[in-house]
Amino acid sequence: PKVESEAAEEAILALTALGFKEGQARGVV
């Protein structure tokens, strides 16, 4: 299923702020 949540979006934003590419961060999260 498509999995999305506020926690996931927050984690993805934090990881991209740390310099990781969004696609890579989103995939792992």
PDB file of all heavy atoms in Angstrom:
ATOM      1  N   PRO A   1       0.821  -1.198   0.000  1.00  0.00           N
ATOM      2  CA  PRO A   1       0.000   0.000   0.000  1.00  0.00           C
ATOM      3  C   PRO A   1       0.863   1.260   0.000  1.00  0.00           C
ATOM      4  O   PRO A   1       2.032   1.231   0.363  1.00  0.00           O
ATOM      5  CB  PRO A   1      -0.763  -0.117   1.331  1.00  0.00           C
ATOM      6  CG  PRO A   1       0.150  -0.906   2.210  1.00  0.00           C
ATOM      7  CD  PRO A   1       0.873  -1.849   1.307  1.00  0.00           C
ATOM      8  N   LYS A   2       0.261   2.352  -0.425  1.00  0.00           N
ATOM      9  CA  LYS A   2       0.956   3.630  -0.364  1.00  0.00           C
ATOM     10  C   LYS A   2       1.002   4.038   1.107  1.00  0.00           C
ATOM     11  O   LYS A   2      -0.014   4.072   1.786  1.00  0.00           O
ATOM     12  CB  LYS A   2       0.184   4.674  -1.172  1.00  0.00           C
ATOM     13  CG  LYS A   2       0.868   6.016  -1.192  1.00  0.00           C
ATOM     14  CD  LYS A   2       0.116   6.992  -2.044  1.00  0.00           C
ATOM     15  CE  LYS A   2       0.796   8.343  -2.011  1.00  0.00           C
ATOM     16  NZ  LYS A   2       0.081   9.327  -2.773  1.00  0.00           N
ATOM     17  N   VAL A   3       2.187   4.294   1.584  1.00  0.00           N
ATOM     18  CA  VAL A   3       2.351   4.607   3.000  1.00  0.00           C
ATOM     19  C   VAL A   3       2.826   6.045   3.148  1.00  0.00           C
ATOM     20  O   VAL A   3       3.883   6.411   2.657  1.00  0.00           O
ATOM     21  CB  VAL A   3       3.379   3.651   3.647  1.00  0.00           C
ATOM     22  CG1 VAL A   3       3.516   3.945   5.120  1.00  0.00           C
ATOM     23  CG2 VAL A   3       2.992   2.215   3.427  1.00  0.00           C
ATOM     24  N   GLU A   4       2.040   6.854   3.790  1.00  0.00           N
ATOM     25  CA  GLU A   4       2.405   8.244   4.062  1.00  0.00           C
ATOM     26  C   GLU A   4       1.926   8.581   5.472  1.00  0.00           C
ATOM     27  O   GLU A   4       0.910   8.072   5.931  1.00  0.00           O
ATOM     28  CB  GLU A   4       1.722   9.203   3.073  1.00  0.00           C
ATOM     29  CG  GLU A   4       2.136   9.030   1.643  1.00  0.00           C
ATOM     30  CD  GLU A   4       3.499   9.613   1.318  1.00  0.00           C
ATOM     31  OE1 GLU A   4       3.977  10.487   2.061  1.00  0.00           O
ATOM     32  OE2 GLU A   4       4.083   9.184   0.328  1.00  0.00           O
ATOM     33  N   SER A   5       2.645   9.398   6.153  1.00  0.00           N
ATOM     34  CA  SER A   5       2.226   9.859   7.474  1.00  0.00           C
ATOM     35  C   SER A   5       2.959  11.160   7.783  1.00  0.00           C
ATOM     36  O   SER A   5       3.941  11.506   7.129  1.00  0.00           O
ATOM     37  CB  SER A   5       2.541   8.811   8.548  1.00  0.00           C
ATOM     38  OG  SER A   5       3.923   8.758   8.801  1.00  0.00           O
ATOM     39  N   GLU A   6       2.492  11.862   8.807  1.00  0.00           N
ATOM     40  CA  GLU A   6       3.163  13.102   9.207  1.00  0.00           C
ATOM     41  C   GLU A   6       4.567  12.808   9.699  1.00  0.00           C
ATOM     42  O   GLU A   6       5.500  13.560   9.430  1.00  0.00           O
ATOM     43  CB  GLU A   6       2.351  13.809  10.295  1.00  0.00           C
ATOM     44  CG  GLU A   6       1.139  14.538   9.760  1.00  0.00           C
ATOM     45  CD  GLU A   6       0.427  15.344  10.840  1.00  0.00           C
ATOM     46  OE1 GLU A   6       1.118  15.899  11.724  1.00  0.00           O
ATOM     47  OE2 GLU A   6      -0.797  15.407  10.784  1.00  0.00           O
ATOM     48  N   ALA A   7       4.723  11.692  10.422  1.00  0.00           N
ATOM     49  CA  ALA A   7       6.040  11.309  10.931  1.00  0.00           C
ATOM     50  C   ALA A   7       7.005  11.057   9.771  1.00  0.00           C
ATOM     51  O   ALA A   7       8.174  11.462   9.816  1.00  0.00           O
ATOM     52  CB  ALA A   7       5.931  10.071  11.821  1.00  0.00           C
ATOM     53  N   ALA A   8       6.504  10.394   8.712  1.00  0.00           N
ATOM     54  CA  ALA A   8       7.348  10.112   7.546  1.00  0.00           C
ATOM     55  C   ALA A   8       7.759  11.404   6.864  1.00  0.00           C
ATOM     56  O   ALA A   8       8.939  11.582   6.519  1.00  0.00           O
ATOM     57  CB  ALA A   8       6.612   9.204   6.568  1.00  0.00           C
ATOM     58  N   GLU A   9       6.828  12.312   6.664  1.00  0.00           N
ATOM     59  CA  GLU A   9       7.151  13.590   6.013  1.00  0.00           C
ATOM     60  C   GLU A   9       8.147  14.395   6.837  1.00  0.00           C
ATOM     61  O   GLU A   9       9.073  14.989   6.294  1.00  0.00           O
ATOM     62  CB  GLU A   9       5.874  14.407   5.757  1.00  0.00           C
ATOM     63  CG  GLU A   9       5.016  13.861   4.639  1.00  0.00           C
ATOM     64  CD  GLU A   9       5.745  13.737   3.301  1.00  0.00           C
ATOM     65  OE1 GLU A   9       6.531  14.638   2.938  1.00  0.00           O
ATOM     66  OE2 GLU A   9       5.548  12.719   2.632  1.00  0.00           O
ATOM     67  N   GLU A  10       7.968  14.381   8.155  1.00  0.00           N
ATOM     68  CA  GLU A  10       8.893  15.095   9.034  1.00  0.00           C
ATOM     69  C   GLU A  10      10.301  14.483   8.945  1.00  0.00           C
ATOM     70  O   GLU A  10      11.303  15.205   8.871  1.00  0.00           O
ATOM     71  CB  GLU A  10       8.379  15.026  10.475  1.00  0.00           C
ATOM     72  CG  GLU A  10       9.152  15.874  11.446  1.00  0.00           C
ATOM     73  CD  GLU A  10       8.572  15.819  12.853  1.00  0.00           C
ATOM     74  OE1 GLU A  10       7.343  15.662  13.005  1.00  0.00           O
ATOM     75  OE2 GLU A  10       9.372  15.932  13.797  1.00  0.00           O
ATOM     76  N   ALA A  11      10.372  13.165   8.929  1.00  0.00           N
ATOM     77  CA  ALA A  11      11.660  12.472   8.830  1.00  0.00           C
ATOM     78  C   ALA A  11      12.330  12.766   7.487  1.00  0.00           C
ATOM     79  O   ALA A  11      13.541  13.009   7.432  1.00  0.00           O
ATOM     80  CB  ALA A  11      11.459  10.970   9.015  1.00  0.00           C
ATOM     81  N   ILE A  12      11.557  12.776   6.417  1.00  0.00           N
ATOM     82  CA  ILE A  12      12.105  13.048   5.085  1.00  0.00           C
ATOM     83  C   ILE A  12      12.647  14.472   5.014  1.00  0.00           C
ATOM     84  O   ILE A  12      13.740  14.709   4.495  1.00  0.00           O
ATOM     85  CB  ILE A  12      11.038  12.788   3.997  1.00  0.00           C
ATOM     86  CG1 ILE A  12      10.729  11.290   3.918  1.00  0.00           C
ATOM     87  CG2 ILE A  12      11.489  13.319   2.641  1.00  0.00           C
ATOM     88  CD1 ILE A  12       9.455  10.947   3.179  1.00  0.00           C
ATOM     89  N   LEU A  13      11.904  15.426   5.562  1.00  0.00           N
ATOM     90  CA  LEU A  13      12.362  16.820   5.589  1.00  0.00           C
ATOM     91  C   LEU A  13      13.660  16.960   6.388  1.00  0.00           C
ATOM     92  O   LEU A  13      14.587  17.658   5.974  1.00  0.00           O
ATOM     93  CB  LEU A  13      11.291  17.728   6.180  1.00  0.00           C
ATOM     94  CG  LEU A  13      10.102  18.049   5.275  1.00  0.00           C
ATOM     95  CD1 LEU A  13       9.031  18.806   6.043  1.00  0.00           C
ATOM     96  CD2 LEU A  13      10.555  18.862   4.076  1.00  0.00           C
ATOM     97  N   ALA A  14      13.733  16.275   7.515  1.00  0.00           N
ATOM     98  CA  ALA A  14      14.941  16.339   8.347  1.00  0.00           C
ATOM     99  C   ALA A  14      16.143  15.746   7.608  1.00  0.00           C
ATOM    100  O   ALA A  14      17.245  16.314   7.642  1.00  0.00           O
ATOM    101  CB  ALA A  14      14.708  15.597   9.662  1.00  0.00           C
ATOM    102  N   LEU A  15      15.937  14.624   6.938  1.00  0.00           N
ATOM    103  CA  LEU A  15      17.034  13.974   6.216  1.00  0.00           C
ATOM    104  C   LEU A  15      17.506  14.815   5.033  1.00  0.00           C
ATOM    105  O   LEU A  15      18.705  14.893   4.758  1.00  0.00           O
ATOM    106  CB  LEU A  15      16.617  12.578   5.754  1.00  0.00           C
ATOM    107  CG  LEU A  15      16.428  11.560   6.889  1.00  0.00           C
ATOM    108  CD1 LEU A  15      15.708  10.320   6.383  1.00  0.00           C
ATOM    109  CD2 LEU A  15      17.770  11.189   7.507  1.00  0.00           C
ATOM    110  N   THR A  16      16.572  15.462   4.335  1.00  0.00           N
ATOM    111  CA  THR A  16      16.978  16.326   3.216  1.00  0.00           C
ATOM    112  C   THR A  16      17.709  17.560   3.747  1.00  0.00           C
ATOM    113  O   THR A  16      18.633  18.049   3.112  1.00  0.00           O
ATOM    114  CB  THR A  16      15.787  16.745   2.333  1.00  0.00           C
ATOM    115  OG1 THR A  16      14.776  17.336   3.145  1.00  0.00           O
ATOM    116  CG2 THR A  16      15.217  15.563   1.582  1.00  0.00           C
ATOM    117  N   ALA A  17      17.327  18.051   4.928  1.00  0.00           N
ATOM    118  CA  ALA A  17      18.030  19.179   5.545  1.00  0.00           C
ATOM    119  C   ALA A  17      19.459  18.782   5.923  1.00  0.00           C
ATOM    120  O   ALA A  17      20.354  19.625   5.955  1.00  0.00           O
ATOM    121  CB  ALA A  17      17.274  19.662   6.776  1.00  0.00           C
ATOM    122  N   LEU A  18      19.662  17.493   6.181  1.00  0.00           N
ATOM    123  CA  LEU A  18      21.004  16.991   6.508  1.00  0.00           C
ATOM    124  C   LEU A  18      21.848  16.731   5.259  1.00  0.00           C
ATOM    125  O   LEU A  18      22.992  16.313   5.361  1.00  0.00           O
ATOM    126  CB  LEU A  18      20.900  15.709   7.332  1.00  0.00           C
ATOM    127  CG  LEU A  18      20.387  15.876   8.761  1.00  0.00           C
ATOM    128  CD1 LEU A  18      20.130  14.522   9.407  1.00  0.00           C
ATOM    129  CD2 LEU A  18      21.385  16.681   9.589  1.00  0.00           C
ATOM    130  N   GLY A  19      21.246  16.943   4.069  1.00  0.00           N
ATOM    131  CA  GLY A  19      22.018  16.825   2.836  1.00  0.00           C
ATOM    132  C   GLY A  19      21.739  15.590   1.997  1.00  0.00           C
ATOM    133  O   GLY A  19      22.355  15.408   0.952  1.00  0.00           O
ATOM    134  N   PHE A  20      20.823  14.719   2.428  1.00  0.00           N
ATOM    135  CA  PHE A  20      20.493  13.541   1.629  1.00  0.00           C
ATOM    136  C   PHE A  20      19.512  13.934   0.536  1.00  0.00           C
ATOM    137  O   PHE A  20      18.712  14.854   0.701  1.00  0.00           O
ATOM    138  CB  PHE A  20      19.882  12.437   2.505  1.00  0.00           C
ATOM    139  CG  PHE A  20      20.847  11.885   3.510  1.00  0.00           C
ATOM    140  CD1 PHE A  20      20.805  12.293   4.831  1.00  0.00           C
ATOM    141  CD2 PHE A  20      21.815  10.970   3.131  1.00  0.00           C
ATOM    142  CE1 PHE A  20      21.698  11.801   5.761  1.00  0.00           C
ATOM    143  CE2 PHE A  20      22.715  10.467   4.051  1.00  0.00           C
ATOM    144  CZ  PHE A  20      22.660  10.883   5.371  1.00  0.00           C
ATOM    145  N   LYS A  21      19.560  13.237  -0.602  1.00  0.00           N
ATOM    146  CA  LYS A  21      18.620  13.508  -1.695  1.00  0.00           C
ATOM    147  C   LYS A  21      17.226  13.069  -1.258  1.00  0.00           C
ATOM    148  O   LYS A  21      17.065  12.073  -0.564  1.00  0.00           O
ATOM    149  CB  LYS A  21      19.030  12.753  -2.955  1.00  0.00           C
ATOM    150  CG  LYS A  21      20.297  13.288  -3.551  1.00  0.00           C
ATOM    151  CD  LYS A  21      20.550  12.681  -4.898  1.00  0.00           C
ATOM    152  CE  LYS A  21      21.814  13.279  -5.451  1.00  0.00           C
ATOM    153  NZ  LYS A  21      21.717  13.687  -6.790  1.00  0.00           N
ATOM    154  N   GLU A  22      16.228  13.817  -1.716  1.00  0.00           N
ATOM    155  CA  GLU A  22      14.864  13.538  -1.288  1.00  0.00           C
ATOM    156  C   GLU A  22      14.407  12.135  -1.675  1.00  0.00           C
ATOM    157  O   GLU A  22      13.791  11.437  -0.875  1.00  0.00           O
ATOM    158  CB  GLU A  22      13.888  14.562  -1.863  1.00  0.00           C
ATOM    159  CG  GLU A  22      12.470  14.328  -1.361  1.00  0.00           C
ATOM    160  CD  GLU A  22      11.461  15.291  -1.950  1.00  0.00           C
ATOM    161  OE1 GLU A  22      11.844  16.260  -2.604  1.00  0.00           O
ATOM    162  OE2 GLU A  22      10.261  15.031  -1.753  1.00  0.00           O
ATOM    163  N   GLY A  23      14.704  11.712  -2.893  1.00  0.00           N
ATOM    164  CA  GLY A  23      14.285  10.383  -3.332  1.00  0.00           C
ATOM    165  C   GLY A  23      14.903   9.288  -2.485  1.00  0.00           C
ATOM    166  O   GLY A  23      14.235   8.323  -2.116  1.00  0.00           O
ATOM    167  N   GLN A  24      16.167   9.440  -2.164  1.00  0.00           N
ATOM    168  CA  GLN A  24      16.871   8.463  -1.340  1.00  0.00           C
ATOM    169  C   GLN A  24      16.272   8.442   0.069  1.00  0.00           C
ATOM    170  O   GLN A  24      15.987   7.375   0.617  1.00  0.00           O
ATOM    171  CB  GLN A  24      18.349   8.849  -1.298  1.00  0.00           C
ATOM    172  CG  GLN A  24      19.255   7.872  -0.627  1.00  0.00           C
ATOM    173  CD  GLN A  24      20.696   8.362  -0.626  1.00  0.00           C
ATOM    174  OE1 GLN A  24      20.972   9.557  -0.668  1.00  0.00           O
ATOM    175  NE2 GLN A  24      21.622   7.433  -0.573  1.00  0.00           N
ATOM    176  N   ALA A  25      16.063   9.618   0.651  1.00  0.00           N
ATOM    177  CA  ALA A  25      15.489   9.710   1.997  1.00  0.00           C
ATOM    178  C   ALA A  25      14.074   9.139   2.025  1.00  0.00           C
ATOM    179  O   ALA A  25      13.717   8.366   2.915  1.00  0.00           O
ATOM    180  CB  ALA A  25      15.484  11.168   2.455  1.00  0.00           C
ATOM    181  N   ARG A  26      13.269   9.500   1.022  1.00  0.00           N
ATOM    182  CA  ARG A  26      11.894   9.022   0.963  1.00  0.00           C
ATOM    183  C   ARG A  26      11.851   7.497   0.841  1.00  0.00           C
ATOM    184  O   ARG A  26      11.065   6.830   1.494  1.00  0.00           O
ATOM    185  CB  ARG A  26      11.151   9.671  -0.204  1.00  0.00           C
ATOM    186  CG  ARG A  26       9.661   9.359  -0.249  1.00  0.00           C
ATOM    187  CD  ARG A  26       8.961  10.180  -1.314  1.00  0.00           C
ATOM    188  NE  ARG A  26       8.969  11.610  -1.050  1.00  0.00           N
ATOM    189  CZ  ARG A  26       8.114  12.221  -0.231  1.00  0.00           C
ATOM    190  NH1 ARG A  26       7.204  11.536   0.404  1.00  0.00           N
ATOM    191  NH2 ARG A  26       8.186  13.519  -0.042  1.00  0.00           N
ATOM    192  N   GLY A  27      12.710   6.940   0.009  1.00  0.00           N
ATOM    193  CA  GLY A  27      12.746   5.491  -0.168  1.00  0.00           C
ATOM    194  C   GLY A  27      13.040   4.750   1.115  1.00  0.00           C
ATOM    195  O   GLY A  27      12.364   3.795   1.479  1.00  0.00           O
ATOM    196  N   VAL A  28      14.042   5.225   1.845  1.00  0.00           N
ATOM    197  CA  VAL A  28      14.431   4.572   3.101  1.00  0.00           C
ATOM    198  C   VAL A  28      13.336   4.749   4.152  1.00  0.00           C
ATOM    199  O   VAL A  28      12.967   3.789   4.833  1.00  0.00           O
ATOM    200  CB  VAL A  28      15.784   5.130   3.604  1.00  0.00           C
ATOM    201  CG1 VAL A  28      16.091   4.638   5.005  1.00  0.00           C
ATOM    202  CG2 VAL A  28      16.893   4.731   2.655  1.00  0.00           C
ATOM    203  N   VAL A  29      12.812   5.955   4.299  1.00  0.00           N
ATOM    204  CA  VAL A  29      11.793   6.224   5.320  1.00  0.00           C
ATOM    205  C   VAL A  29      10.525   5.422   5.052  1.00  0.00           C
ATOM    206  O   VAL A  29       9.952   4.812   5.967  1.00  0.00           O
ATOM    207  CB  VAL A  29      11.486   7.741   5.416  1.00  0.00           C
ATOM    208  CG1 VAL A  29      10.241   7.998   6.255  1.00  0.00           C
ATOM    209  CG2 VAL A  29      12.680   8.477   5.997  1.00  0.00           C
TER     210      VAL A  29
END
